[in-house]
C-alpha atoms as a PDB file:
ATOM      1  CA  MET A   1    -102.643-216.471  27.397  1.00  0.00           C
ATOM      2  CA  ALA A   2    -100.474-217.525  24.472  1.00  0.00           C
ATOM      3  CA  LEU A   3    -101.526-220.402  22.243  1.00  0.00           C
ATOM      4  CA  ASN A   4     -98.995-222.877  20.884  1.00  0.00           C
ATOM      5  CA  GLN A   5    -100.272-223.604  17.390  1.00  0.00           C
ATOM      6  CA  GLU A   6     -97.871-226.529  16.931  1.00  0.00           C
ATOM      7  CA  GLY A   7     -99.564-228.329  19.804  1.00  0.00           C
ATOM      8  CA  ILE A   8    -103.100-227.767  18.600  1.00  0.00           C
ATOM      9  CA  LEU A   9    -104.635-230.696  16.756  1.00  0.00           C
ATOM     10  CA  LEU A  10    -101.227-232.060  15.821  1.00  0.00           C
ATOM     11  CA  ASP A  11    -102.816-234.737  13.621  1.00  0.00           C
ATOM     12  CA  SER A  12    -104.155-233.092  10.477  1.00  0.00           C
ATOM     13  CA  GLY A  13    -107.360-234.235   8.797  1.00  0.00           C
ATOM     14  CA  THR A  14    -109.106-235.705  11.862  1.00  0.00           C
ATOM     15  CA  ASN A  15    -112.270-233.641  11.148  1.00  0.00           C
ATOM     16  CA  GLU A  16    -111.950-232.094  14.598  1.00  0.00           C
ATOM     17  CA  LEU A  17    -111.399-228.586  15.846  1.00  0.00           C
ATOM     18  CA  GLU A  18    -110.847-226.830  19.132  1.00  0.00           C
ATOM     19  CA  VAL A  19    -113.159-223.950  19.957  1.00  0.00           C
ATOM     20  CA  ILE A  20    -112.502-221.150  22.414  1.00  0.00           C
ATOM     21  CA  VAL A  21    -115.796-220.230  24.075  1.00  0.00           C
ATOM     22  CA  PHE A  22    -116.302-216.589  25.030  1.00  0.00           C
ATOM     23  CA  ASN A  23    -119.074-214.204  26.020  1.00  0.00           C
ATOM     24  CA  VAL A  24    -120.227-210.946  24.527  1.00  0.00           C
ATOM     25  CA  GLY A  25    -122.954-209.422  26.667  1.00  0.00           C
ATOM     26  CA  ASN A  26    -125.337-212.248  27.544  1.00  0.00           C
ATOM     27  CA  GLY A  27    -124.487-214.309  24.455  1.00  0.00           C
ATOM     28  CA  THR A  28    -122.142-217.295  24.205  1.00  0.00           C
ATOM     29  CA  TYR A  29    -119.934-217.547  21.141  1.00  0.00           C
ATOM     30  CA  GLY A  30    -116.998-219.522  19.786  1.00  0.00           C
ATOM     31  CA  ILE A  31    -113.907-219.089  17.635  1.00  0.00           C
ATOM     32  CA  ASN A  32    -111.704-221.747  16.066  1.00  0.00           C
ATOM     33  CA  VAL A  33    -108.444-221.979  18.027  1.00  0.00           C
ATOM     34  CA  MET A  34    -106.531-221.984  14.728  1.00  0.00           C
ATOM     35  CA  LYS A  35    -107.569-218.347  14.230  1.00  0.00           C
ATOM     36  CA  VAL A  36    -106.301-217.230  17.634  1.00  0.00           C
ATOM     37  CA  ARG A  37    -102.748-216.144  18.369  1.00  0.00           C
ATOM     38  CA  GLU A  38    -103.262-215.135  22.000  1.00  0.00           C
ATOM     39  CA  ILE A  39    -105.754-213.797  24.524  1.00  0.00           C
ATOM     40  CA  VAL A  40    -104.687-210.732  26.497  1.00  0.00           C
ATOM     41  CA  GLN A  41    -106.016-208.394  29.143  1.00  0.00           C
ATOM     42  CA  THR A  42    -107.563-205.207  27.852  1.00  0.00           C
ATOM     43  CA  GLN A  43    -105.409-202.105  27.716  1.00  0.00           C
ATOM     44  CA  THR A  44    -105.741-198.478  26.772  1.00  0.00           C
ATOM     45  CA  VAL A  45    -107.099-198.107  23.252  1.00  0.00           C
ATOM     46  CA  THR A  46    -106.079-195.192  21.023  1.00  0.00           C
ATOM     47  CA  HIS A  47    -109.093-193.791  19.181  1.00  0.00           C
ATOM     48  CA  ILE A  48    -108.974-193.563  15.372  1.00  0.00           C
ATOM     49  CA  PRO A  49    -110.809-190.486  14.003  1.00  0.00           C
ATOM     50  CA  ASN A  50    -113.521-191.102  11.386  1.00  0.00           C
ATOM     51  CA  SER A  51    -113.180-194.884  11.690  1.00  0.00           C
ATOM     52  CA  HIS A  52    -115.909-197.485  11.189  1.00  0.00           C
ATOM     53  CA  PRO A  53    -118.358-197.640  14.162  1.00  0.00           C
ATOM     54  CA  HIS A  54    -117.262-201.197  14.963  1.00  0.00           C
ATOM     55  CA  ILE A  55    -113.597-200.176  15.262  1.00  0.00           C
ATOM     56  CA  GLU A  56    -112.747-199.150  18.800  1.00  0.00           C
ATOM     57  CA  GLY A  57    -109.234-197.966  17.953  1.00  0.00           C
ATOM     58  CA  MET A  58    -105.681-199.297  18.068  1.00  0.00           C
ATOM     59  CA  ILE A  59    -103.436-200.939  20.637  1.00  0.00           C
ATOM     60  CA  ARG A  60     -99.736-201.650  20.687  1.00  0.00           C
ATOM     61  CA  LEU A  61     -98.959-205.261  21.533  1.00  0.00           C
ATOM     62  CA  ARG A  62     -95.228-205.628  21.907  1.00  0.00           C
ATOM     63  CA  ASP A  63     -93.871-204.550  18.492  1.00  0.00           C
ATOM     64  CA  GLU A  64     -97.172-204.662  16.612  1.00  0.00           C
ATOM     65  CA  VAL A  65     -99.957-202.118  16.211  1.00  0.00           C
ATOM     66  CA  LEU A  66    -103.332-203.872  16.056  1.00  0.00           C
ATOM     67  CA  THR A  67    -106.804-202.646  15.178  1.00  0.00           C
ATOM     68  CA  VAL A  68    -109.384-203.333  17.904  1.00  0.00           C
ATOM     69  CA  VAL A  69    -112.859-204.445  16.787  1.00  0.00           C
ATOM     70  CA  ASN A  70    -115.485-204.207  19.519  1.00  0.00           C
ATOM     71  CA  LEU A  71    -117.718-207.276  19.202  1.00  0.00           C
ATOM     72  CA  LYS A  72    -120.241-205.632  21.515  1.00  0.00           C
ATOM     73  CA  GLU A  73    -120.826-203.045  18.794  1.00  0.00           C
ATOM     74  CA  VAL A  74    -120.812-205.675  16.023  1.00  0.00           C
ATOM     75  CA  LEU A  75    -123.467-207.761  17.798  1.00  0.00           C
ATOM     76  CA  GLY A  76    -125.512-204.797  19.035  1.00  0.00           C
ATOM     77  CA  CYS A  77    -125.053-205.588  22.729  1.00  0.00           C
ATOM     78  CA  VAL A  78    -126.042-203.016  25.338  1.00  0.00           C
ATOM     79  CA  SER A  79    -122.943-201.945  27.268  1.00  0.00           C
ATOM     80  CA  GLU A  80    -122.947-203.239  30.851  1.00  0.00           C
ATOM     81  CA  GLY A  81    -120.771-200.341  31.981  1.00  0.00           C
ATOM     82  CA  ASP A  82    -118.251-202.651  33.712  1.00  0.00           C
ATOM     83  CA  ASP A  83    -115.543-203.738  31.288  1.00  0.00           C
ATOM     84  CA  THR A  84    -112.952-204.803  33.857  1.00  0.00           C
ATOM     85  CA  GLN A  85    -113.358-208.478  32.898  1.00  0.00           C
ATOM     86  CA  ASP A  86    -113.107-207.812  29.150  1.00  0.00           C
ATOM     87  CA  LYS A  87    -110.447-209.563  27.091  1.00  0.00           C
ATOM     88  CA  PHE A  88    -108.850-209.043  23.693  1.00  0.00           C
ATOM     89  CA  ILE A  89    -108.807-212.105  21.435  1.00  0.00           C
ATOM     90  CA  VAL A  90    -105.905-211.526  19.037  1.00  0.00           C
ATOM     91  CA  SER A  91    -106.798-213.289  15.811  1.00  0.00           C
ATOM     92  CA  GLU A  92    -105.014-213.839  12.492  1.00  0.00           C
ATOM     93  CA  LEU A  93    -107.134-214.252   9.384  1.00  0.00           C
ATOM     94  CA  ASN A  94    -106.862-213.169   5.769  1.00  0.00           C
ATOM     95  CA  LYS A  95    -103.160-212.579   6.499  1.00  0.00           C
ATOM     96  CA  MET A  96    -103.778-209.826   9.038  1.00  0.00           C
ATOM     97  CA  LYS A  97    -104.023-209.613  12.813  1.00  0.00           C
ATOM     98  CA  VAL A  98    -106.994-208.074  14.609  1.00  0.00           C
ATOM     99  CA  ALA A  99    -107.843-207.757  18.313  1.00  0.00           C
ATOM    100  CA  PHE A 100    -111.503-208.479  19.113  1.00  0.00           C
ATOM    101  CA  ARG A 101    -112.932-207.140  22.390  1.00  0.00           C
ATOM    102  CA  VAL A 102    -115.120-209.682  24.218  1.00  0.00           C
ATOM    103  CA  SER A 103    -116.749-209.694  27.649  1.00  0.00           C
ATOM    104  CA  GLY A 104    -114.884-212.753  28.906  1.00  0.00           C
ATOM    105  CA  VAL A 105    -113.303-216.056  27.881  1.00  0.00           C
ATOM    106  CA  SER A 106    -114.310-219.370  29.479  1.00  0.00           C
ATOM    107  CA  ARG A 107    -112.657-222.534  28.133  1.00  0.00           C
ATOM    108  CA  ILE A 108    -111.570-224.591  25.125  1.00  0.00           C
ATOM    109  CA  HIS A 109    -113.672-227.480  23.793  1.00  0.00           C
ATOM    110  CA  ARG A 110    -112.479-230.128  21.346  1.00  0.00           C
ATOM    111  CA  ILE A 111    -115.298-231.240  19.062  1.00  0.00           C
ATOM    112  CA  SER A 112    -115.985-232.813  15.680  1.00  0.00           C
ATOM    113  CA  TRP A 113    -117.125-230.779  12.708  1.00  0.00           C
ATOM    114  CA  GLU A 114    -120.022-233.245  12.537  1.00  0.00           C
ATOM    115  CA  GLN A 115    -121.386-231.641  15.735  1.00  0.00           C
ATOM    116  CA  ILE A 116    -121.679-228.231  14.068  1.00  0.00           C
ATOM    117  CA  GLU A 117    -124.963-227.327  12.428  1.00  0.00           C
ATOM    118  CA  LYS A 118    -125.769-224.535  10.013  1.00  0.00           C
ATOM    119  CA  PRO A 119    -128.160-221.848  11.327  1.00  0.00           C
ATOM    120  CA  THR A 120    -131.708-222.509  10.153  1.00  0.00           C
ATOM    121  CA  GLU A 121    -133.095-220.580   7.205  1.00  0.00           C
ATOM    122  CA  LEU A 122    -135.644-218.992   9.557  1.00  0.00           C
ATOM    123  CA  SER A 123    -132.819-217.373  11.539  1.00  0.00           C
ATOM    124  CA  GLN A 124    -131.695-214.961   8.844  1.00  0.00           C
ATOM    125  CA  GLY A 125    -129.959-212.597  11.256  1.00  0.00           C
ATOM    126  CA  LEU A 126    -128.182-215.571  12.788  1.00  0.00           C
ATOM    127  CA  GLN A 127    -127.096-216.832   9.376  1.00  0.00           C
ATOM    128  CA  SER A 128    -125.448-213.534   8.450  1.00  0.00           C
ATOM    129  CA  ALA A 129    -123.467-213.333  11.686  1.00  0.00           C
ATOM    130  CA  THR A 130    -122.443-216.954  12.244  1.00  0.00           C
ATOM    131  CA  THR A 131    -120.928-219.893  10.412  1.00  0.00           C
ATOM    132  CA  GLY A 132    -122.355-222.605  12.644  1.00  0.00           C
ATOM    133  CA  VAL A 133    -124.137-223.590  15.839  1.00  0.00           C
ATOM    134  CA  ILE A 134    -122.766-225.960  18.484  1.00  0.00           C
ATOM    135  CA  LYS A 135    -125.035-227.575  21.079  1.00  0.00           C
ATOM    136  CA  LEU A 136    -122.762-228.397  23.996  1.00  0.00           C
ATOM    137  CA  ASP A 137    -123.358-229.062  27.691  1.00  0.00           C
ATOM    138  CA  GLY A 138    -126.911-227.784  27.512  1.00  0.00           C
ATOM    139  CA  GLN A 139    -126.015-224.487  25.863  1.00  0.00           C
ATOM    140  CA  MET A 140    -125.968-223.146  22.328  1.00  0.00           C
ATOM    141  CA  ILE A 141    -122.628-221.745  21.140  1.00  0.00           C
ATOM    142  CA  LEU A 142    -122.574-219.615  18.005  1.00  0.00           C
ATOM    143  CA  LEU A 143    -119.472-219.696  15.824  1.00  0.00           C
ATOM    144  CA  LEU A 144    -119.058-216.122  14.643  1.00  0.00           C
ATOM    145  CA  ASP A 145    -118.151-215.323  11.041  1.00  0.00           C
ATOM    146  CA  PHE A 146    -115.029-213.273  11.787  1.00  0.00           C
ATOM    147  CA  GLU A 147    -114.072-213.018   8.112  1.00  0.00           C
ATOM    148  CA  LYS A 148    -117.419-211.385   7.305  1.00  0.00           C
ATOM    149  CA  ILE A 149    -117.041-209.030  10.264  1.00  0.00           C
ATOM    150  CA  VAL A 150    -113.709-207.841   8.854  1.00  0.00           C
ATOM    151  CA  VAL A 151    -114.987-207.561   5.264  1.00  0.00           C
ATOM    152  CA  ASP A 152    -118.061-205.604   6.415  1.00  0.00           C
ATOM    153  CA  ILE A 153    -115.691-203.097   8.023  1.00  0.00           C
ATOM    154  CA  ASN A 154    -113.236-203.053   5.118  1.00  0.00           C
ATOM    155  CA  PRO A 155    -114.687-204.419   1.846  1.00  0.00           C
ATOM    156  CA  SER A 156    -111.213-204.335   0.219  1.00  0.00           C
ATOM    157  CA  LYS A 157    -110.344-207.400   2.314  1.00  0.00           C
ATOM    158  CA  GLY A 158    -112.914-209.471   0.407  1.00  0.00           C
ATOM    159  CA  ILE A 159    -112.857-211.220  -2.965  1.00  0.00           C
ATOM    160  CA  ASN A 160    -113.096-208.735  -5.827  1.00  0.00           C
ATOM    161  CA  VAL A 161    -114.005-209.794  -9.359  1.00  0.00           C
ATOM    162  CA  GLU A 162    -112.328-206.636 -10.713  1.00  0.00           C
ATOM    163  CA  GLN A 163    -108.970-208.130  -9.751  1.00  0.00           C
ATOM    164  CA  VAL A 164    -109.595-211.039 -12.124  1.00  0.00           C
ATOM    165  CA  ARG A 165    -110.569-208.721 -14.976  1.00  0.00           C
ATOM    166  CA  LYS A 166    -107.102-207.197 -14.790  1.00  0.00           C
ATOM    167  CA  LEU A 167    -105.729-210.536 -16.008  1.00  0.00           C
ATOM    168  CA  GLY A 168    -107.187-209.700 -19.416  1.00  0.00           C
ATOM    169  CA  ARG A 169    -109.408-211.633 -21.789  1.00  0.00           C
ATOM    170  CA  ARG A 170    -109.484-215.346 -21.019  1.00  0.00           C
ATOM    171  CA  GLU A 171    -110.396-218.348 -23.119  1.00  0.00           C
ATOM    172  CA  ARG A 172    -113.278-220.442 -21.854  1.00  0.00           C
ATOM    173  CA  SER A 173    -112.143-223.661 -20.247  1.00  0.00           C
ATOM    174  CA  HIS A 174    -113.931-226.997 -20.347  1.00  0.00           C
ATOM    175  CA  LYS A 175    -112.172-228.159 -17.182  1.00  0.00           C
ATOM    176  CA  LYS A 176    -114.563-229.318 -14.452  1.00  0.00           C
ATOM    177  CA  ILE A 177    -113.999-228.031 -10.934  1.00  0.00           C
ATOM    178  CA  VAL A 178    -115.553-228.950  -7.581  1.00  0.00           C
ATOM    179  CA  VAL A 179    -115.688-226.270  -4.866  1.00  0.00           C
ATOM    180  CA  ALA A 180    -116.499-226.940  -1.191  1.00  0.00           C
ATOM    181  CA  GLU A 181    -117.388-223.662   0.564  1.00  0.00           C
ATOM    182  CA  ASP A 182    -119.969-223.195   3.319  1.00  0.00           C
ATOM    183  CA  SER A 183    -120.506-219.445   2.894  1.00  0.00           C
ATOM    184  CA  ALA A 184    -123.317-218.637   0.427  1.00  0.00           C
ATOM    185  CA  MET A 185    -121.813-215.199  -0.125  1.00  0.00           C
ATOM    186  CA  LEU A 186    -118.404-216.645  -1.012  1.00  0.00           C
ATOM    187  CA  ARG A 187    -119.921-219.325  -3.247  1.00  0.00           C
ATOM    188  CA  LYS A 188    -121.570-216.545  -5.247  1.00  0.00           C
ATOM    189  CA  LEU A 189    -118.351-214.521  -5.426  1.00  0.00           C
ATOM    190  CA  LEU A 190    -116.311-217.567  -6.437  1.00  0.00           C
ATOM    191  CA  HIS A 191    -118.868-218.412  -9.120  1.00  0.00           C
ATOM    192  CA  GLN A 192    -118.499-214.907 -10.552  1.00  0.00           C
ATOM    193  CA  THR A 193    -114.714-214.758 -10.363  1.00  0.00           C
ATOM    194  CA  LEU A 194    -114.100-218.264 -11.716  1.00  0.00           C
ATOM    195  CA  ALA A 195    -116.479-217.590 -14.604  1.00  0.00           C
ATOM    196  CA  GLU A 196    -114.647-214.321 -15.320  1.00  0.00           C
ATOM    197  CA  ALA A 197    -111.404-216.320 -15.357  1.00  0.00           C
ATOM    198  CA  GLY A 198    -112.847-218.715 -17.939  1.00  0.00           C
ATOM    199  CA  TYR A 199    -113.844-221.563 -15.624  1.00  0.00           C
ATOM    200  CA  GLU A 200    -117.582-222.014 -16.044  1.00  0.00           C
ATOM    201  CA  GLN A 201    -118.029-225.723 -15.321  1.00  0.00           C
ATOM    202  CA  VAL A 202    -117.900-225.444 -11.546  1.00  0.00           C
ATOM    203  CA  THR A 203    -120.012-227.481  -9.126  1.00  0.00           C
ATOM    204  CA  PHE A 204    -120.448-226.024  -5.618  1.00  0.00           C
ATOM    205  CA  PHE A 205    -121.087-227.813  -2.333  1.00  0.00           C
ATOM    206  CA  GLU A 206    -121.763-226.434   1.137  1.00  0.00           C
ATOM    207  CA  ASN A 207    -119.291-228.662   2.966  1.00  0.00           C
ATOM    208  CA  GLY A 208    -116.641-231.312   2.516  1.00  0.00           C
ATOM    209  CA  LYS A 209    -119.038-234.203   3.120  1.00  0.00           C
ATOM    210  CA  GLU A 210    -121.290-233.184   0.224  1.00  0.00           C
ATOM    211  CA  ALA A 211    -118.252-232.794  -2.057  1.00  0.00           C
ATOM    212  CA  LEU A 212    -116.891-236.210  -1.059  1.00  0.00           C
ATOM    213  CA  ASP A 213    -120.319-237.809  -1.533  1.00  0.00           C
ATOM    214  CA  TYR A 214    -120.345-236.395  -5.078  1.00  0.00           C
ATOM    215  CA  LEU A 215    -116.904-237.800  -5.862  1.00  0.00           C
ATOM    216  CA  GLU A 216    -117.941-241.186  -4.498  1.00  0.00           C
ATOM    217  CA  TYR A 217    -121.090-241.046  -6.653  1.00  0.00           C
ATOM    218  CA  LEU A 218    -118.943-240.420  -9.747  1.00  0.00           C
ATOM    219  CA  GLN A 219    -116.793-243.354  -8.633  1.00  0.00           C
ATOM    220  CA  THR A 220    -119.705-245.716  -9.361  1.00  0.00           C
ATOM    221  CA  SER A 221    -119.877-244.706 -13.037  1.00  0.00           C
ATOM    222  CA  ASP A 222    -118.990-247.418 -15.563  1.00  0.00           C
ATOM    223  CA  GLU A 223    -118.502-244.927 -18.417  1.00  0.00           C
ATOM    224  CA  HIS A 224    -115.960-242.455 -17.057  1.00  0.00           C
ATOM    225  CA  THR A 225    -113.296-242.322 -14.355  1.00  0.00           C
ATOM    226  CA  VAL A 226    -113.542-239.668 -11.645  1.00  0.00           C
ATOM    227  CA  GLU A 227    -110.445-237.983 -13.120  1.00  0.00           C
ATOM    228  CA  GLU A 228    -112.253-237.618 -16.436  1.00  0.00           C
ATOM    229  CA  GLU A 229    -115.226-236.014 -14.689  1.00  0.00           C
ATOM    230  CA  ILE A 230    -113.349-233.744 -12.239  1.00  0.00           C
ATOM    231  CA  GLN A 231    -110.038-232.010 -12.934  1.00  0.00           C
ATOM    232  CA  LEU A 232    -109.657-229.971  -9.717  1.00  0.00           C
ATOM    233  CA  VAL A 233    -111.040-229.579  -6.187  1.00  0.00           C
ATOM    234  CA  ILE A 234    -111.021-226.278  -4.291  1.00  0.00           C
ATOM    235  CA  THR A 235    -111.901-226.429  -0.611  1.00  0.00           C
ATOM    236  CA  ASP A 236    -112.333-224.091   2.331  1.00  0.00           C
ATOM    237  CA  LEU A 237    -111.030-225.308   5.692  1.00  0.00           C
ATOM    238  CA  GLU A 238    -113.809-224.449   8.151  1.00  0.00           C
ATOM    239  CA  MET A 239    -117.052-226.213   7.208  1.00  0.00           C
ATOM    240  CA  PRO A 240    -119.765-228.043   9.170  1.00  0.00           C
ATOM    241  CA  LYS A 241    -119.991-231.833   8.820  1.00  0.00           C
ATOM    242  CA  MET A 242    -116.541-232.208   7.188  1.00  0.00           C
ATOM    243  CA  ASP A 243    -113.705-229.678   7.075  1.00  0.00           C
ATOM    244  CA  GLY A 244    -111.289-229.104   4.205  1.00  0.00           C
ATOM    245  CA  LEU A 245    -108.346-230.891   5.796  1.00  0.00           C
ATOM    246  CA  HIS A 246    -110.341-234.094   6.243  1.00  0.00           C
ATOM    247  CA  LEU A 247    -111.768-233.808   2.721  1.00  0.00           C
ATOM    248  CA  THR A 248    -108.276-233.407   1.277  1.00  0.00           C
ATOM    249  CA  ARG A 249    -106.993-236.361   3.270  1.00  0.00           C
ATOM    250  CA  ARG A 250    -109.862-238.583   2.069  1.00  0.00           C
ATOM    251  CA  ILE A 251    -109.216-237.577  -1.553  1.00  0.00           C
ATOM    252  CA  LYS A 252    -105.484-238.230  -1.375  1.00  0.00           C
ATOM    253  CA  GLU A 253    -105.928-241.609   0.350  1.00  0.00           C
ATOM    254  CA  ASP A 254    -108.299-242.941  -2.349  1.00  0.00           C
ATOM    255  CA  ASP A 255    -106.707-244.599  -5.386  1.00  0.00           C
ATOM    256  CA  ASP A 256    -109.446-243.244  -7.683  1.00  0.00           C
ATOM    257  CA  PHE A 257    -109.181-239.647  -6.430  1.00  0.00           C
ATOM    258  CA  LYS A 258    -105.592-239.070  -5.376  1.00  0.00           C
ATOM    259  CA  ARG A 259    -104.357-237.702  -8.716  1.00  0.00           C
ATOM    260  CA  ILE A 260    -106.996-234.941  -8.694  1.00  0.00           C
ATOM    261  CA  PRO A 261    -105.272-231.674  -7.622  1.00  0.00           C
ATOM    262  CA  VAL A 262    -106.619-230.067  -4.448  1.00  0.00           C
ATOM    263  CA  ILE A 263    -106.278-226.379  -3.598  1.00  0.00           C
ATOM    264  CA  ILE A 264    -107.065-225.260  -0.063  1.00  0.00           C
ATOM    265  CA  PHE A 265    -108.495-221.717  -0.229  1.00  0.00           C
ATOM    266  CA  SER A 266    -108.918-220.367   3.287  1.00  0.00           C
ATOM    267  CA  SER A 267    -108.366-217.383   5.552  1.00  0.00           C
ATOM    268  CA  LEU A 268    -106.389-219.757   7.800  1.00  0.00           C
ATOM    269  CA  ILE A 269    -103.398-220.175   5.476  1.00  0.00           C
ATOM    270  CA  THR A 270    -100.645-218.797   7.707  1.00  0.00           C
ATOM    271  CA  ASP A 271     -96.985-219.630   8.244  1.00  0.00           C
ATOM    272  CA  ASP A 272     -97.888-221.402  11.499  1.00  0.00           C
ATOM    273  CA  LEU A 273    -100.627-223.553   9.952  1.00  0.00           C
ATOM    274  CA  TYR A 274     -99.276-224.220   6.443  1.00  0.00           C
ATOM    275  CA  HIS A 275     -97.892-227.587   7.550  1.00  0.00           C
ATOM    276  CA  LYS A 276    -101.409-228.911   8.152  1.00  0.00           C
ATOM    277  CA  GLY A 277    -102.282-228.714   4.461  1.00  0.00           C
ATOM    278  CA  ILE A 278     -98.980-230.328   3.522  1.00  0.00           C
ATOM    279  CA  ALA A 279     -99.645-233.185   5.959  1.00  0.00           C
ATOM    280  CA  VAL A 280    -102.901-234.149   4.209  1.00  0.00           C
ATOM    281  CA  GLY A 281    -101.443-233.856   0.695  1.00  0.00           C
ATOM    282  CA  ALA A 282    -102.866-230.549  -0.571  1.00  0.00           C
ATOM    283  CA  ASP A 283    -101.307-229.566  -3.901  1.00  0.00           C
ATOM    284  CA  ARG A 284    -101.592-225.819  -3.233  1.00  0.00           C
ATOM    285  CA  GLN A 285    -102.693-223.537  -0.390  1.00  0.00           C
ATOM    286  CA  VAL A 286    -103.936-220.011  -1.061  1.00  0.00           C
ATOM    287  CA  SER A 287    -105.035-217.457   1.510  1.00  0.00           C
ATOM    288  CA  LYS A 288    -108.345-215.673   1.115  1.00  0.00           C
ATOM    289  CA  PRO A 289    -108.955-213.224  -0.451  1.00  0.00           C
ATOM    290  CA  GLU A 290    -106.041-213.677  -2.922  1.00  0.00           C
ATOM    291  CA  ILE A 291    -108.304-214.561  -5.822  1.00  0.00           C
ATOM    292  CA  VAL A 292    -105.734-213.731  -8.540  1.00  0.00           C
ATOM    293  CA  LYS A 293    -103.250-216.133  -6.965  1.00  0.00           C
ATOM    294  CA  LEU A 294    -105.998-218.767  -6.810  1.00  0.00           C
ATOM    295  CA  ILE A 295    -106.672-218.355 -10.535  1.00  0.00           C
ATOM    296  CA  GLU A 296    -102.942-218.572 -11.302  1.00  0.00           C
ATOM    297  CA  GLU A 297    -102.639-221.818  -9.325  1.00  0.00           C
ATOM    298  CA  ILE A 298    -105.700-223.262 -11.104  1.00  0.00           C
ATOM    299  CA  ASP A 299    -104.120-222.399 -14.460  1.00  0.00           C
ATOM    300  CA  LEU A 300    -100.941-224.256 -13.482  1.00  0.00           C
ATOM    301  CA  LEU A 301    -102.712-227.364 -12.163  1.00  0.00           C
ATOM    302  CA  VAL A 302    -105.283-227.945 -14.909  1.00  0.00           C
END
């Protein structure tokens, strides 16, 4: 099953996404279609000695060698013994391709980001494994945090403050930055890395709606323009309530906001999807976890 990315959500900034629903054991989960390159039948997996317990091995898919991550191991599912209906979801994130083993794939749903809720604070295990919860057709679908799954296996694929320190001593900047990022872990890492890079006046929000509400609040001020209060916006793409594409579009369509530079910082910045950021007017697009490139683009824009 190949997925034509050009035909998926052709209109950028609609605050919608398409979710592929799949099963792992008895659980029902989802993945953003934009992360998926294709879904294939399982094949013989070559074992990798001394690899992480969640890595099943490697497969060769046409001319590419892909690492296979077994989501049954990641989620602690008891093996049913029969894996004849298993599928590999081939995903591209953080500029690398990974095949995830799942028990089966059902269908694709088109929904609004407004329908996605954050896991409750009481569900700590759920919070660490998922980015959101969708209630659909009487069932609860959990959006898995695939980026965290990859970083847990290979921490080098995450944001590293040491990379910023290699840039050398930096002068402290008085520029004010807004960041929209739903992951608490990434908000903390971005706070550390931006501060190390000299940017200490950073205001964080959990989603695009909260960031836009803040800009609109500043818009009511009689003393300062929004441009005087905010010099840059950094946004993730996947966020409950309002995604980064819709946030960028709303900023660039508003006469009071449109001159504020916007950087999209996401694991979904790929050659196939780059045009979506361009369509909504993003000034720059940087793939996670390229934090040094993000800092360099900030330096140029502010």
